[in-house]
N, C-alpha and C. Protein backbone atom coordinates (compact mmCIF):
# COMPACT_ATOMS: atom_id res chain seq x y z
N MET A 1 -3.30 0.62 14.19
CA MET A 1 -4.57 0.20 13.64
C MET A 1 -4.30 -1.02 12.75
N ILE A 2 -5.04 -2.04 12.93
CA ILE A 2 -4.92 -3.25 12.13
C ILE A 2 -6.15 -3.37 11.25
N LYS A 3 -5.93 -3.62 9.97
CA LYS A 3 -7.01 -3.75 8.99
C LYS A 3 -6.89 -5.09 8.29
N THR A 4 -7.97 -5.54 7.73
CA THR A 4 -7.96 -6.73 6.88
C THR A 4 -8.45 -6.32 5.50
N LEU A 5 -8.12 -7.13 4.49
CA LEU A 5 -8.56 -6.84 3.13
C LEU A 5 -10.03 -7.17 2.97
N THR A 6 -10.70 -6.39 2.14
CA THR A 6 -12.10 -6.59 1.82
C THR A 6 -12.21 -6.93 0.35
N ARG A 7 -12.99 -7.95 0.02
CA ARG A 7 -13.17 -8.33 -1.39
C ARG A 7 -13.91 -7.22 -2.13
N HIS A 8 -13.39 -6.88 -3.31
CA HIS A 8 -13.97 -5.82 -4.13
C HIS A 8 -13.92 -6.31 -5.58
N GLY A 9 -14.96 -7.00 -6.03
CA GLY A 9 -14.96 -7.61 -7.36
C GLY A 9 -13.94 -8.73 -7.41
N ASN A 10 -13.03 -8.67 -8.39
CA ASN A 10 -11.96 -9.66 -8.50
C ASN A 10 -10.71 -9.24 -7.75
N SER A 11 -10.77 -8.14 -7.01
CA SER A 11 -9.62 -7.60 -6.29
C SER A 11 -9.92 -7.54 -4.80
N TYR A 12 -8.98 -6.97 -4.08
CA TYR A 12 -9.15 -6.74 -2.65
C TYR A 12 -8.86 -5.28 -2.36
N ALA A 13 -9.46 -4.75 -1.31
CA ALA A 13 -9.31 -3.34 -0.96
C ALA A 13 -9.06 -3.20 0.53
N VAL A 14 -8.44 -2.09 0.88
CA VAL A 14 -8.27 -1.71 2.28
C VAL A 14 -9.14 -0.48 2.49
N VAL A 15 -10.01 -0.53 3.47
CA VAL A 15 -10.88 0.61 3.76
C VAL A 15 -10.12 1.55 4.68
N ILE A 16 -10.02 2.82 4.27
CA ILE A 16 -9.33 3.83 5.07
C ILE A 16 -10.38 4.65 5.81
N ASP A 17 -10.26 4.70 7.12
CA ASP A 17 -11.25 5.39 7.95
C ASP A 17 -11.28 6.89 7.66
N LYS A 18 -12.46 7.48 7.80
CA LYS A 18 -12.68 8.89 7.49
C LYS A 18 -11.74 9.82 8.25
N PRO A 19 -11.48 9.62 9.56
CA PRO A 19 -10.55 10.54 10.25
C PRO A 19 -9.16 10.57 9.63
N ILE A 20 -8.68 9.45 9.11
CA ILE A 20 -7.37 9.43 8.47
C ILE A 20 -7.43 10.18 7.16
N LEU A 21 -8.49 9.98 6.38
CA LEU A 21 -8.65 10.70 5.12
C LEU A 21 -8.72 12.21 5.36
N GLU A 22 -9.43 12.62 6.39
CA GLU A 22 -9.55 14.05 6.71
C GLU A 22 -8.21 14.61 7.16
N LEU A 23 -7.47 13.85 7.96
CA LEU A 23 -6.17 14.30 8.44
C LEU A 23 -5.21 14.55 7.28
N LEU A 24 -5.26 13.69 6.27
CA LEU A 24 -4.37 13.80 5.12
C LEU A 24 -4.97 14.62 3.98
N ASN A 25 -6.16 15.15 4.19
CA ASN A 25 -6.85 15.95 3.18
C ASN A 25 -7.04 15.17 1.88
N ILE A 26 -7.50 13.92 2.01
CA ILE A 26 -7.75 13.06 0.86
C ILE A 26 -9.25 12.93 0.66
N ALA A 27 -9.71 13.24 -0.54
CA ALA A 27 -11.11 13.09 -0.91
C ALA A 27 -11.22 11.90 -1.86
N PRO A 28 -12.43 11.40 -2.09
CA PRO A 28 -12.58 10.25 -3.00
C PRO A 28 -11.97 10.47 -4.39
N GLU A 29 -11.93 11.72 -4.86
CA GLU A 29 -11.40 11.99 -6.20
C GLU A 29 -9.90 12.31 -6.19
N THR A 30 -9.27 12.30 -5.01
CA THR A 30 -7.84 12.59 -4.92
C THR A 30 -7.02 11.46 -5.54
N PRO A 31 -6.15 11.77 -6.51
CA PRO A 31 -5.29 10.72 -7.06
C PRO A 31 -4.27 10.29 -6.00
N LEU A 32 -4.07 8.99 -5.88
CA LEU A 32 -3.14 8.47 -4.88
C LEU A 32 -1.96 7.78 -5.56
N GLU A 33 -0.80 7.92 -4.95
CA GLU A 33 0.39 7.24 -5.42
C GLU A 33 0.65 6.09 -4.45
N ILE A 34 0.81 4.88 -4.99
CA ILE A 34 1.05 3.71 -4.16
C ILE A 34 2.44 3.19 -4.49
N SER A 35 3.26 3.00 -3.45
CA SER A 35 4.61 2.48 -3.65
C SER A 35 4.92 1.47 -2.55
N THR A 36 6.03 0.78 -2.72
CA THR A 36 6.44 -0.21 -1.74
C THR A 36 7.95 -0.26 -1.66
N ASP A 37 8.46 -0.66 -0.50
CA ASP A 37 9.89 -0.88 -0.34
C ASP A 37 10.19 -2.38 -0.28
N GLY A 38 9.18 -3.18 -0.58
CA GLY A 38 9.32 -4.63 -0.53
C GLY A 38 8.76 -5.23 0.75
N ASN A 39 8.59 -4.39 1.77
CA ASN A 39 8.04 -4.86 3.04
C ASN A 39 6.78 -4.10 3.45
N SER A 40 6.66 -2.88 2.99
CA SER A 40 5.54 -2.02 3.39
C SER A 40 4.90 -1.40 2.17
N ILE A 41 3.66 -0.99 2.31
CA ILE A 41 2.94 -0.27 1.27
C ILE A 41 2.79 1.17 1.74
N LEU A 42 3.12 2.11 0.89
CA LEU A 42 2.95 3.52 1.19
C LEU A 42 1.91 4.09 0.24
N ILE A 43 0.88 4.70 0.80
CA ILE A 43 -0.18 5.33 0.01
C ILE A 43 -0.18 6.81 0.37
N ALA A 44 -0.01 7.67 -0.63
CA ALA A 44 0.06 9.10 -0.39
C ALA A 44 -0.63 9.84 -1.54
N PRO A 45 -1.11 11.06 -1.27
CA PRO A 45 -1.66 11.84 -2.37
C PRO A 45 -0.60 12.00 -3.47
N ALA A 46 -1.00 11.83 -4.71
CA ALA A 46 -0.06 11.96 -5.83
C ALA A 46 0.41 13.40 -5.94
N PRO A 47 1.68 13.58 -6.30
CA PRO A 47 2.18 14.95 -6.47
C PRO A 47 1.38 15.68 -7.54
N ASP A 48 1.12 16.95 -7.29
CA ASP A 48 0.39 17.79 -8.23
C ASP A 48 1.39 18.40 -9.20
N PRO A 49 1.31 18.07 -10.50
CA PRO A 49 2.27 18.60 -11.47
C PRO A 49 2.32 20.13 -11.49
N ALA A 50 1.20 20.78 -11.27
CA ALA A 50 1.18 22.25 -11.28
C ALA A 50 1.98 22.79 -10.10
N LYS A 51 1.84 22.17 -8.93
CA LYS A 51 2.61 22.61 -7.76
C LYS A 51 4.09 22.34 -7.96
N ALA A 52 4.43 21.20 -8.56
CA ALA A 52 5.83 20.86 -8.81
C ALA A 52 6.46 21.87 -9.76
N ALA A 53 5.72 22.27 -10.79
CA ALA A 53 6.23 23.26 -11.74
C ALA A 53 6.43 24.61 -11.05
N LYS A 54 5.50 24.97 -10.19
CA LYS A 54 5.60 26.25 -9.47
C LYS A 54 6.80 26.24 -8.54
N LEU A 55 7.03 25.11 -7.86
CA LEU A 55 8.17 24.97 -6.97
C LEU A 55 9.47 25.05 -7.75
N LYS A 56 9.53 24.40 -8.90
CA LYS A 56 10.72 24.43 -9.74
C LYS A 56 11.02 25.85 -10.18
N GLN A 57 10.01 26.59 -10.57
CA GLN A 57 10.19 27.98 -10.99
C GLN A 57 10.68 28.83 -9.83
N ALA A 58 10.13 28.63 -8.64
CA ALA A 58 10.56 29.38 -7.46
C ALA A 58 12.01 29.06 -7.12
N ARG A 59 12.38 27.79 -7.24
CA ARG A 59 13.76 27.38 -6.96
C ARG A 59 14.73 28.06 -7.93
N LYS A 60 14.36 28.12 -9.22
CA LYS A 60 15.20 28.80 -10.21
C LYS A 60 15.38 30.28 -9.85
N GLY A 61 14.30 30.91 -9.41
CA GLY A 61 14.36 32.32 -9.02
C GLY A 61 15.26 32.54 -7.82
N MET A 62 15.19 31.63 -6.86
CA MET A 62 16.03 31.75 -5.67
C MET A 62 17.50 31.57 -6.02
N ILE A 63 17.79 30.61 -6.89
CA ILE A 63 19.18 30.38 -7.30
C ILE A 63 19.72 31.59 -8.05
N LYS A 64 18.88 32.16 -8.91
CA LYS A 64 19.29 33.33 -9.67
C LYS A 64 19.57 34.51 -8.73
N LYS A 65 18.70 34.68 -7.75
CA LYS A 65 18.82 35.83 -6.85
C LYS A 65 19.85 35.62 -5.75
N TYR A 66 19.92 34.40 -5.18
CA TYR A 66 20.77 34.15 -4.02
C TYR A 66 21.86 33.10 -4.27
N GLY A 67 22.07 32.73 -5.52
CA GLY A 67 23.02 31.67 -5.84
C GLY A 67 24.41 31.89 -5.27
N GLU A 68 24.91 33.10 -5.40
CA GLU A 68 26.26 33.40 -4.89
C GLU A 68 26.32 33.24 -3.38
N ALA A 69 25.30 33.70 -2.67
CA ALA A 69 25.26 33.53 -1.21
C ALA A 69 25.20 32.05 -0.84
N PHE A 70 24.44 31.26 -1.59
CA PHE A 70 24.36 29.82 -1.32
C PHE A 70 25.73 29.16 -1.51
N ARG A 71 26.46 29.57 -2.56
CA ARG A 71 27.78 29.00 -2.80
C ARG A 71 28.74 29.35 -1.68
N LYS A 72 28.67 30.58 -1.20
CA LYS A 72 29.55 31.01 -0.09
C LYS A 72 29.20 30.24 1.19
N LEU A 73 27.92 30.06 1.44
CA LEU A 73 27.50 29.32 2.64
C LEU A 73 27.91 27.84 2.56
N ALA A 74 27.94 27.32 1.36
CA ALA A 74 28.30 25.90 1.19
C ALA A 74 29.78 25.66 1.50
N LYS A 75 30.60 26.70 1.37
CA LYS A 75 32.04 26.55 1.65
C LYS A 75 32.22 26.57 3.11
């Protein structure tokens, strides 16, 4: 898909088609993280701090419960 920039006040915008937004589960109020590697622009839903904290807690629990097995498997 090829897009062009659209003037939006003193800036420019890229319009993202509704099917793409629906596929990625992005709503107008979804915070987006924009990054670049110097050649491309990556736009993705911003990480949810609550989910990250929950994942970190789950990871700690797994290490506590299965840490020894993980160490043996790593050898």
